[in-house]
Amino acid sequence: MKAEIHPEYGPVIFHDLASGEKFLTRSTVTTAEKTEQWEDGNTYPVIDVEISAASHPFYTGKQRILDSAGRVERFNARFKGFGGKK
């Protein structure tokens, strides 16, 4: 590996805006705009994210059920008579 080309890893607080949950991890992403004091008493940069494992439906198991019943019937009713064999 080449020296001095890799970004520095550092502790960062990720704040999930959808669920309000915060977690401390290491990342190459950093910001000086927003900082917060963590439970250990140290101050870390905060990165706001729209969605994370704390709020994503795949990880939470709270998926929205789509109305799949009736879709074929609505399609057939809408295009009834088009493209039939002659």
C-alpha atoms as a PDB file:
ATOM      1  CA  MET A   1       0.000   0.000   0.000  1.00  0.00           C
ATOM      2  CA  LYS A   2       1.182   3.473  -0.776  1.00  0.00           C
ATOM      3  CA  ALA A   3       1.886   5.712   2.166  1.00  0.00           C
ATOM      4  CA  GLU A   4      -0.054   8.907   2.804  1.00  0.00           C
ATOM      5  CA  ILE A   5      -2.823   8.388   0.214  1.00  0.00           C
ATOM      6  CA  HIS A   6      -5.457   6.742   2.390  1.00  0.00           C
ATOM      7  CA  PRO A   7      -7.992   8.800   4.346  1.00  0.00           C
ATOM      8  CA  GLU A   8      -7.850   8.835   8.114  1.00  0.00           C
ATOM      9  CA  TYR A   9     -10.423   6.862  10.059  1.00  0.00           C
ATOM     10  CA  GLY A  10     -11.860   8.614  13.041  1.00  0.00           C
ATOM     11  CA  PRO A  11     -14.798   8.345  15.407  1.00  0.00           C
ATOM     12  CA  VAL A  12     -18.010   9.920  14.103  1.00  0.00           C
ATOM     13  CA  ILE A  13     -21.575  10.054  15.423  1.00  0.00           C
ATOM     14  CA  PHE A  14     -24.169   9.168  12.794  1.00  0.00           C
ATOM     15  CA  HIS A  15     -27.608  10.636  13.495  1.00  0.00           C
ATOM     16  CA  ASP A  16     -30.512   8.909  11.730  1.00  0.00           C
ATOM     17  CA  LEU A  17     -33.027  11.675  11.004  1.00  0.00           C
ATOM     18  CA  ALA A  18     -35.885   9.220  10.357  1.00  0.00           C
ATOM     19  CA  SER A  19     -35.701   7.408  13.701  1.00  0.00           C
ATOM     20  CA  GLY A  20     -33.715   9.857  15.820  1.00  0.00           C
ATOM     21  CA  GLU A  21     -31.231   7.154  16.787  1.00  0.00           C
ATOM     22  CA  LYS A  22     -27.539   7.998  17.082  1.00  0.00           C
ATOM     23  CA  PHE A  23     -24.569   5.657  16.985  1.00  0.00           C
ATOM     24  CA  LEU A  24     -20.840   6.102  17.307  1.00  0.00           C
ATOM     25  CA  THR A  25     -18.605   4.404  14.756  1.00  0.00           C
ATOM     26  CA  ARG A  26     -15.428   5.008  12.798  1.00  0.00           C
ATOM     27  CA  SER A  27     -15.545   6.555   9.366  1.00  0.00           C
ATOM     28  CA  THR A  28     -13.512   8.521   6.867  1.00  0.00           C
ATOM     29  CA  VAL A  29     -16.391  11.005   6.631  1.00  0.00           C
ATOM     30  CA  THR A  30     -15.996  13.951   8.939  1.00  0.00           C
ATOM     31  CA  THR A  31     -17.309  17.446   9.421  1.00  0.00           C
ATOM     32  CA  ALA A  32     -16.381  20.385  11.571  1.00  0.00           C
ATOM     33  CA  GLU A  33     -19.805  22.021  11.224  1.00  0.00           C
ATOM     34  CA  LYS A  34     -21.654  20.009  13.847  1.00  0.00           C
ATOM     35  CA  THR A  35     -20.244  18.294  16.929  1.00  0.00           C
ATOM     36  CA  GLU A  36     -21.808  16.632  19.926  1.00  0.00           C
ATOM     37  CA  GLN A  37     -20.680  15.245  23.244  1.00  0.00           C
ATOM     38  CA  TRP A  38     -21.085  11.470  23.440  1.00  0.00           C
ATOM     39  CA  GLU A  39     -21.818   9.310  26.497  1.00  0.00           C
ATOM     40  CA  ASP A  40     -18.097   8.819  27.154  1.00  0.00           C
ATOM     41  CA  GLY A  41     -17.624  12.582  27.612  1.00  0.00           C
ATOM     42  CA  ASN A  42     -15.693  13.133  24.364  1.00  0.00           C
ATOM     43  CA  THR A  43     -16.860  15.426  21.577  1.00  0.00           C
ATOM     44  CA  TYR A  44     -17.225  13.954  18.075  1.00  0.00           C
ATOM     45  CA  PRO A  45     -18.374  15.261  14.694  1.00  0.00           C
ATOM     46  CA  VAL A  46     -22.006  14.482  13.818  1.00  0.00           C
ATOM     47  CA  ILE A  47     -23.131  13.316  10.373  1.00  0.00           C
ATOM     48  CA  ASP A  48     -26.885  13.450   9.678  1.00  0.00           C
ATOM     49  CA  VAL A  49     -28.205  10.634   7.486  1.00  0.00           C
ATOM     50  CA  GLU A  50     -31.697  10.277   6.058  1.00  0.00           C
ATOM     51  CA  ILE A  51     -31.927   6.535   6.646  1.00  0.00           C
ATOM     52  CA  SER A  52     -29.838   3.865   8.342  1.00  0.00           C
ATOM     53  CA  ALA A  53     -30.272   0.324   9.621  1.00  0.00           C
ATOM     54  CA  ALA A  54     -32.272   1.796  12.520  1.00  0.00           C
ATOM     55  CA  SER A  55     -35.035   3.053  10.226  1.00  0.00           C
ATOM     56  CA  HIS A  56     -34.748   1.117   6.952  1.00  0.00           C
ATOM     57  CA  PRO A  57     -37.729  -1.228   6.452  1.00  0.00           C
ATOM     58  CA  PHE A  58     -35.500  -4.113   5.364  1.00  0.00           C
ATOM     59  CA  TYR A  59     -33.664  -4.129   8.700  1.00  0.00           C
ATOM     60  CA  THR A  60     -36.574  -3.209  10.972  1.00  0.00           C
ATOM     61  CA  GLY A  61     -39.032  -5.702   9.479  1.00  0.00           C
ATOM     62  CA  LYS A  62     -41.703  -3.002   9.237  1.00  0.00           C
ATOM     63  CA  GLN A  63     -42.127  -3.128   5.510  1.00  0.00           C
ATOM     64  CA  ARG A  64     -45.045  -1.438   3.868  1.00  0.00           C
ATOM     65  CA  ILE A  65     -47.302  -4.002   2.248  1.00  0.00           C
ATOM     66  CA  LEU A  66     -48.218  -3.013  -1.282  1.00  0.00           C
ATOM     67  CA  ASP A  67     -51.583  -3.876  -2.754  1.00  0.00           C
ATOM     68  CA  SER A  68     -50.538  -6.594  -5.149  1.00  0.00           C
ATOM     69  CA  ALA A  69     -53.993  -8.158  -5.258  1.00  0.00           C
ATOM     70  CA  GLY A  70     -56.066  -6.451  -7.875  1.00  0.00           C
ATOM     71  CA  ARG A  71     -53.214  -5.067  -9.948  1.00  0.00           C
ATOM     72  CA  VAL A  72     -53.635  -7.617 -12.724  1.00  0.00           C
ATOM     73  CA  GLU A  73     -57.384  -7.135 -12.689  1.00  0.00           C
ATOM     74  CA  ARG A  74     -57.032  -3.349 -12.947  1.00  0.00           C
ATOM     75  CA  PHE A  75     -54.533  -3.728 -15.794  1.00  0.00           C
ATOM     76  CA  ASN A  76     -56.810  -6.111 -17.691  1.00  0.00           C
ATOM     77  CA  ALA A  77     -59.827  -3.845 -17.159  1.00  0.00           C
ATOM     78  CA  ARG A  78     -57.939  -0.800 -18.395  1.00  0.00           C
ATOM     79  CA  PHE A  79     -56.568  -2.445 -21.533  1.00  0.00           C
ATOM     80  CA  LYS A  80     -59.470  -4.725 -22.299  1.00  0.00           C
ATOM     81  CA  GLY A  81     -59.848  -5.129 -26.033  1.00  0.00           C
ATOM     82  CA  PHE A  82     -56.333  -3.980 -26.953  1.00  0.00           C
ATOM     83  CA  GLY A  83     -53.963  -6.342 -28.728  1.00  0.00           C
ATOM     84  CA  GLY A  84     -56.339  -9.246 -29.034  1.00  0.00           C
ATOM     85  CA  LYS A  85     -55.849 -11.898 -31.706  1.00  0.00           C
ATOM     86  CA  LYS A  86     -57.594 -11.144 -35.002  1.00  0.00           C
END
